[in-house]
Amino acid sequence: MINFYKYQGAGNDFILIDNRQQLFKNNKKQLAQQLCKRRFGIGSDGLIFIENHTDSDFLIDFLNPDGSRSFCGNGSRCAVKFAHYLGIFKKQHTSFKAIDGIHKAQLVNDLVKIEMKDVQSIQQIDKDFFINTGSPHYIKYFKNINQLDLIKLGQTIRYSDTYKNEGTNVNAVEKIAPHHIKVRTYERGVENETLACGTGVTACALSYALLNQLKNNTIKVDAVGGQLEVSFTQQPNGNFTNIWLTGPAQFVFKGSYDL
């Protein structure tokens, strides 16, 4: 038996396991594939192990439902909330190690803020964008994203000759107001639309900043499952620094799973 906790951040749901004592040493990829199945397992957008780390408060080992690894923004925010529940850190500020390095995080009332890595390379493809914010994201703008067949769009781009080997997430973006956008995301590894994607809304906010020449600002982002915020600073050379992703992270339930 293994104990697990379920958290969600703006509808992005995750299974979290406290593995600081290395109680689980078996095949994590196989376990992710087993537990994340919606109808045959617990069901989630990813599996997260919380483990010890020497240079930060804790380590996040995140696996997608297909067993692949990547950085996950909303998963990391949920992991910060879980780590606080476990007593790994007591105050509002913490740090954690992820697949792309060490990140800072803050608890602000019911919200969790995480510092994203700087973005130094943004590829513009005609009117579209490709940005890596810890995970790769292809971004397209539309006037009404609710009418889109996002699965068809996502699969067409994700399995195209350009991206089929490494894969990419695909985002559809709609402008709501001068500092407010709406986003839908098709996620690789899940191979479906998710209710939110932290790295995705971050990438979309940065692309929106480029389009509208915003240098220092906060963008509100409506995902299907809730609202997130992305703040940033754009440097004179075009790089983005001081990027923070903010949003809710909530405990859903806990249980045990018979391995």
Foldseek 3Di string as FASTA:
>chain_A
DFKWFWKFFLQQIEIEGECQVVPDDDQPQVVLLQACDPPRHVHGQWYWYWYDDDPWLIEIFIAGNNSDGWDFQRVVQQVVVVCCVVVSDPAQKTWYAYPVGIWIWGDDPQKIKIFWDKWDDWDCDPPWIWGCRRFIETEDEDADCVPDPVLVVQCCVQCPPVHVPPGHKYKYWHDDDLQEIEIWIQDPSNSGTGQDTQSHVQVVNLSSCVVVVPAWDKHWYHGNSGIKIWTWGQDPVRMIGRIMIMGGMGTDGMDDDDD
